[in-house]
Amino acid sequence: MSVGIDLGRELMAAVKTGKVLLGSKQTLKAVGEGRAKLVVMASNCPPPVQQSVEQADVPIIHFDGRGIELGMMCGKPFAIAALTVVDEGSSDILAGVR
């Protein structure tokens, strides 16, 4: 994955103007249903979740920080191990992975 974007800014834009599903369970469900356009995984995302997502045909951004940092980037006061972009809204988050 090569991201030539400001991930924090684009994540906030996607959260505010698009549809982003937060958490491993919702990520796995969206990937399984074929609704995921992009998955962002924190460095401490549980291995079974990582393996399931990596087996799917979905672009992945491996975020170098931990879940708490990913949560803060999304403006949330809790840890997020994985999130799924279903609709990017006005963000350019998909530009770095297409």
N, C-alpha and C. Protein backbone atom coordinates (compact mmCIF):
# COMPACT_ATOMS: atom_id res chain seq x y z
N MET A 1 0.84 -1.17 0.00
CA MET A 1 0.00 0.00 0.00
C MET A 1 0.88 1.23 0.00
N SER A 2 0.58 2.14 -0.88
CA SER A 2 1.30 3.41 -0.86
C SER A 2 0.27 4.52 -0.77
N VAL A 3 0.33 5.24 0.31
CA VAL A 3 -0.66 6.29 0.52
C VAL A 3 0.03 7.62 0.37
N GLY A 4 -0.37 8.40 -0.64
CA GLY A 4 0.17 9.72 -0.84
C GLY A 4 -0.80 10.77 -0.33
N ILE A 5 -1.49 10.46 0.76
CA ILE A 5 -2.51 11.34 1.30
C ILE A 5 -2.24 11.59 2.78
N ASP A 6 -2.90 12.58 3.33
CA ASP A 6 -2.86 12.83 4.77
C ASP A 6 -3.95 11.95 5.37
N LEU A 7 -3.57 10.80 5.89
CA LEU A 7 -4.54 9.81 6.35
C LEU A 7 -5.47 10.38 7.42
N GLY A 8 -4.94 11.12 8.37
CA GLY A 8 -5.76 11.70 9.42
C GLY A 8 -6.84 12.61 8.88
N ARG A 9 -6.46 13.51 7.99
CA ARG A 9 -7.43 14.46 7.41
C ARG A 9 -8.49 13.72 6.60
N GLU A 10 -8.05 12.77 5.79
CA GLU A 10 -8.99 12.05 4.92
C GLU A 10 -9.91 11.14 5.72
N LEU A 11 -9.40 10.55 6.80
CA LEU A 11 -10.25 9.74 7.65
C LEU A 11 -11.34 10.58 8.30
N MET A 12 -10.96 11.75 8.82
CA MET A 12 -11.95 12.64 9.43
C MET A 12 -13.01 13.05 8.42
N ALA A 13 -12.59 13.37 7.19
CA ALA A 13 -13.55 13.75 6.15
C ALA A 13 -14.49 12.59 5.83
N ALA A 14 -13.95 11.37 5.76
CA ALA A 14 -14.78 10.20 5.46
C ALA A 14 -15.76 9.93 6.60
N VAL A 15 -15.31 10.07 7.84
CA VAL A 15 -16.18 9.86 9.00
C VAL A 15 -17.31 10.89 9.01
N LYS A 16 -16.98 12.14 8.70
CA LYS A 16 -17.97 13.22 8.76
C LYS A 16 -18.93 13.24 7.57
N THR A 17 -18.45 12.91 6.37
CA THR A 17 -19.28 13.09 5.18
C THR A 17 -19.65 11.80 4.46
N GLY A 18 -19.03 10.70 4.83
CA GLY A 18 -19.31 9.43 4.17
C GLY A 18 -19.88 8.42 5.14
N LYS A 19 -19.59 7.16 4.88
CA LYS A 19 -20.03 6.10 5.77
C LYS A 19 -18.83 5.24 6.11
N VAL A 20 -18.45 5.27 7.39
CA VAL A 20 -17.32 4.50 7.89
C VAL A 20 -17.82 3.62 9.02
N LEU A 21 -17.55 2.33 8.93
CA LEU A 21 -17.94 1.38 9.96
C LEU A 21 -16.75 1.14 10.87
N LEU A 22 -16.95 1.30 12.17
CA LEU A 22 -15.86 1.19 13.13
C LEU A 22 -15.90 -0.16 13.85
N GLY A 23 -14.74 -0.76 13.99
CA GLY A 23 -14.63 -1.99 14.75
C GLY A 23 -14.42 -3.23 13.89
N SER A 24 -13.84 -4.23 14.52
CA SER A 24 -13.51 -5.47 13.82
C SER A 24 -14.74 -6.22 13.34
N LYS A 25 -15.77 -6.31 14.19
CA LYS A 25 -16.97 -7.07 13.81
C LYS A 25 -17.65 -6.45 12.59
N GLN A 26 -17.81 -5.13 12.62
CA GLN A 26 -18.46 -4.46 11.49
C GLN A 26 -17.59 -4.55 10.24
N THR A 27 -16.27 -4.48 10.42
CA THR A 27 -15.36 -4.61 9.29
C THR A 27 -15.49 -5.97 8.64
N LEU A 28 -15.47 -7.02 9.45
CA LEU A 28 -15.59 -8.37 8.89
C LEU A 28 -16.93 -8.58 8.20
N LYS A 29 -17.98 -8.03 8.76
CA LYS A 29 -19.31 -8.15 8.16
C LYS A 29 -19.35 -7.44 6.80
N ALA A 30 -18.84 -6.21 6.74
CA ALA A 30 -18.85 -5.44 5.49
C ALA A 30 -17.98 -6.10 4.43
N VAL A 31 -16.83 -6.63 4.84
CA VAL A 31 -15.96 -7.33 3.89
C VAL A 31 -16.67 -8.57 3.35
N GLY A 32 -17.29 -9.31 4.24
CA GLY A 32 -18.01 -10.53 3.84
C GLY A 32 -19.17 -10.25 2.91
N GLU A 33 -19.82 -9.10 3.09
CA GLU A 33 -20.95 -8.73 2.25
C GLU A 33 -20.53 -8.02 0.97
N GLY A 34 -19.23 -7.76 0.82
CA GLY A 34 -18.73 -7.09 -0.38
C GLY A 34 -19.00 -5.59 -0.40
N ARG A 35 -19.29 -4.98 0.74
CA ARG A 35 -19.59 -3.53 0.80
C ARG A 35 -18.36 -2.69 1.08
N ALA A 36 -17.26 -3.29 1.52
CA ALA A 36 -16.07 -2.54 1.91
C ALA A 36 -15.30 -2.05 0.69
N LYS A 37 -15.03 -0.74 0.66
CA LYS A 37 -14.19 -0.17 -0.40
C LYS A 37 -12.74 -0.10 0.05
N LEU A 38 -12.54 -0.02 1.37
CA LEU A 38 -11.21 0.12 1.95
C LEU A 38 -11.27 -0.29 3.41
N VAL A 39 -10.23 -0.96 3.88
CA VAL A 39 -10.11 -1.30 5.30
C VAL A 39 -8.83 -0.68 5.83
N VAL A 40 -8.93 -0.04 7.00
CA VAL A 40 -7.76 0.49 7.70
C VAL A 40 -7.60 -0.34 8.96
N MET A 41 -6.42 -0.93 9.14
CA MET A 41 -6.15 -1.76 10.31
C MET A 41 -5.02 -1.18 11.14
N ALA A 42 -5.23 -1.11 12.45
CA ALA A 42 -4.20 -0.65 13.36
C ALA A 42 -3.14 -1.75 13.51
N SER A 43 -1.97 -1.36 13.99
CA SER A 43 -0.87 -2.32 14.13
C SER A 43 -1.20 -3.43 15.12
N ASN A 44 -2.11 -3.17 16.07
CA ASN A 44 -2.47 -4.19 17.05
C ASN A 44 -3.83 -4.83 16.76
N CYS A 45 -4.24 -4.77 15.51
CA CYS A 45 -5.48 -5.44 15.09
C CYS A 45 -5.30 -6.94 15.33
N PRO A 46 -6.30 -7.63 15.90
CA PRO A 46 -6.16 -9.07 16.16
C PRO A 46 -5.82 -9.86 14.90
N PRO A 47 -4.88 -10.79 15.00
CA PRO A 47 -4.46 -11.58 13.83
C PRO A 47 -5.60 -12.26 13.08
N PRO A 48 -6.62 -12.83 13.74
CA PRO A 48 -7.70 -13.45 12.95
C PRO A 48 -8.45 -12.44 12.07
N VAL A 49 -8.59 -11.22 12.55
CA VAL A 49 -9.24 -10.17 11.76
C VAL A 49 -8.36 -9.81 10.57
N GLN A 50 -7.07 -9.62 10.84
CA GLN A 50 -6.12 -9.29 9.76
C GLN A 50 -6.16 -10.36 8.68
N GLN A 51 -6.11 -11.62 9.08
CA GLN A 51 -6.08 -12.71 8.11
C GLN A 51 -7.35 -12.75 7.27
N SER A 52 -8.50 -12.57 7.91
CA SER A 52 -9.77 -12.59 7.17
C SER A 52 -9.84 -11.46 6.15
N VAL A 53 -9.42 -10.27 6.56
CA VAL A 53 -9.47 -9.12 5.65
C VAL A 53 -8.46 -9.30 4.51
N GLU A 54 -7.27 -9.80 4.83
CA GLU A 54 -6.24 -9.97 3.80
C GLU A 54 -6.63 -11.01 2.77
N GLN A 55 -7.49 -11.94 3.12
CA GLN A 55 -7.94 -12.96 2.17
C GLN A 55 -8.99 -12.42 1.20
N ALA A 56 -9.62 -11.32 1.58
CA ALA A 56 -10.65 -10.71 0.73
C ALA A 56 -9.98 -9.81 -0.31
N ASP A 57 -10.72 -9.49 -1.33
CA ASP A 57 -10.20 -8.62 -2.40
C ASP A 57 -10.60 -7.18 -2.09
N VAL A 58 -9.97 -6.62 -1.02
CA VAL A 58 -10.29 -5.28 -0.55
C VAL A 58 -8.98 -4.54 -0.32
N PRO A 59 -8.87 -3.29 -0.77
CA PRO A 59 -7.66 -2.51 -0.46
C PRO A 59 -7.51 -2.33 1.06
N ILE A 60 -6.27 -2.41 1.53
CA ILE A 60 -5.99 -2.30 2.96
C ILE A 60 -4.93 -1.25 3.20
N ILE A 61 -5.15 -0.43 4.21
CA ILE A 61 -4.11 0.47 4.72
C ILE A 61 -3.72 -0.08 6.08
N HIS A 62 -2.45 -0.44 6.21
CA HIS A 62 -1.92 -0.89 7.50
C HIS A 62 -1.41 0.34 8.23
N PHE A 63 -2.19 0.78 9.22
CA PHE A 63 -1.85 1.96 10.01
C PHE A 63 -0.76 1.58 11.00
N ASP A 64 0.33 2.35 11.04
CA ASP A 64 1.48 2.02 11.89
C ASP A 64 1.21 2.19 13.38
N GLY A 65 0.21 2.97 13.72
CA GLY A 65 -0.10 3.20 15.13
C GLY A 65 -1.04 2.15 15.70
N ARG A 66 -1.27 2.25 16.99
CA ARG A 66 -2.15 1.32 17.69
C ARG A 66 -3.61 1.78 17.56
N GLY A 67 -4.51 0.96 18.02
CA GLY A 67 -5.94 1.22 17.92
C GLY A 67 -6.38 2.52 18.56
N ILE A 68 -5.78 2.88 19.70
CA ILE A 68 -6.17 4.12 20.37
C ILE A 68 -5.81 5.33 19.50
N GLU A 69 -4.69 5.25 18.80
CA GLU A 69 -4.28 6.33 17.90
C GLU A 69 -5.21 6.41 16.68
N LEU A 70 -5.62 5.26 16.18
CA LEU A 70 -6.55 5.24 15.05
C LEU A 70 -7.88 5.82 15.48
N GLY A 71 -8.32 5.49 16.67
CA GLY A 71 -9.56 6.07 17.19
C GLY A 71 -9.48 7.58 17.28
N MET A 72 -8.37 8.08 17.79
CA MET A 72 -8.19 9.54 17.91
C MET A 72 -8.19 10.19 16.54
N MET A 73 -7.58 9.54 15.53
CA MET A 73 -7.57 10.10 14.17
C MET A 73 -8.98 10.24 13.61
N CYS A 74 -9.88 9.38 14.08
CA CYS A 74 -11.27 9.42 13.62
C CYS A 74 -12.14 10.31 14.50
N GLY A 75 -11.51 10.93 15.50
CA GLY A 75 -12.27 11.80 16.40
C GLY A 75 -13.05 11.03 17.45
N LYS A 76 -12.66 9.81 17.73
CA LYS A 76 -13.36 8.97 18.70
C LYS A 76 -12.51 8.79 19.95
N PRO A 77 -13.14 8.74 21.14
CA PRO A 77 -12.39 8.60 22.39
C PRO A 77 -12.15 7.14 22.79
N PHE A 78 -12.04 6.25 21.81
CA PHE A 78 -11.84 4.84 22.11
C PHE A 78 -10.96 4.22 21.01
N ALA A 79 -10.44 3.04 21.32
CA ALA A 79 -9.57 2.34 20.37
C ALA A 79 -10.38 1.72 19.24
N ILE A 80 -9.80 1.74 18.05
CA ILE A 80 -10.41 1.12 16.87
C ILE A 80 -9.34 0.24 16.23
N ALA A 81 -9.53 -1.06 16.30
CA ALA A 81 -8.56 -1.99 15.71
C ALA A 81 -8.65 -2.01 14.20
N ALA A 82 -9.87 -1.87 13.68
CA ALA A 82 -10.09 -1.88 12.23
C ALA A 82 -11.32 -1.04 11.91
N LEU A 83 -11.29 -0.45 10.74
CA LEU A 83 -12.46 0.29 10.27
C LEU A 83 -12.61 0.06 8.78
N THR A 84 -13.82 0.26 8.31
CA THR A 84 -14.13 0.03 6.91
C THR A 84 -14.77 1.27 6.30
N VAL A 85 -14.27 1.67 5.15
CA VAL A 85 -14.89 2.76 4.40
C VAL A 85 -15.87 2.14 3.42
N VAL A 86 -17.15 2.45 3.60
CA VAL A 86 -18.19 1.97 2.71
C VAL A 86 -18.51 3.05 1.68
N ASP A 87 -18.47 4.31 2.13
CA ASP A 87 -18.68 5.47 1.25
C ASP A 87 -17.69 6.54 1.69
N GLU A 88 -16.83 6.95 0.80
CA GLU A 88 -15.77 7.91 1.15
C GLU A 88 -16.26 9.34 1.32
N GLY A 89 -17.48 9.63 0.96
CA GLY A 89 -18.01 10.99 1.10
C GLY A 89 -17.16 11.98 0.31
N SER A 90 -16.81 13.11 0.93
CA SER A 90 -16.01 14.12 0.24
C SER A 90 -14.51 13.93 0.44
N SER A 91 -14.12 12.82 1.07
CA SER A 91 -12.69 12.57 1.30
C SER A 91 -12.02 12.02 0.04
N ASP A 92 -10.70 12.07 0.04
CA ASP A 92 -9.91 11.47 -1.04
C ASP A 92 -9.18 10.24 -0.53
N ILE A 93 -9.74 9.57 0.47
CA ILE A 93 -9.05 8.45 1.11
C ILE A 93 -8.78 7.29 0.15
N LEU A 94 -9.62 7.12 -0.85
CA LEU A 94 -9.42 6.03 -1.79
C LEU A 94 -8.37 6.34 -2.86
N ALA A 95 -7.96 7.62 -2.96
CA ALA A 95 -7.00 8.02 -3.98
C ALA A 95 -5.66 7.32 -3.82
N GLY A 96 -5.26 7.05 -2.59
CA GLY A 96 -3.96 6.45 -2.35
C GLY A 96 -3.93 4.95 -2.54
N VAL A 97 -5.09 4.32 -2.73
CA VAL A 97 -5.12 2.86 -2.83
C VAL A 97 -5.71 2.33 -4.12
N ARG A 98 -6.18 3.18 -4.98
CA ARG A 98 -6.81 2.72 -6.23
C ARG A 98 -5.79 2.23 -7.19
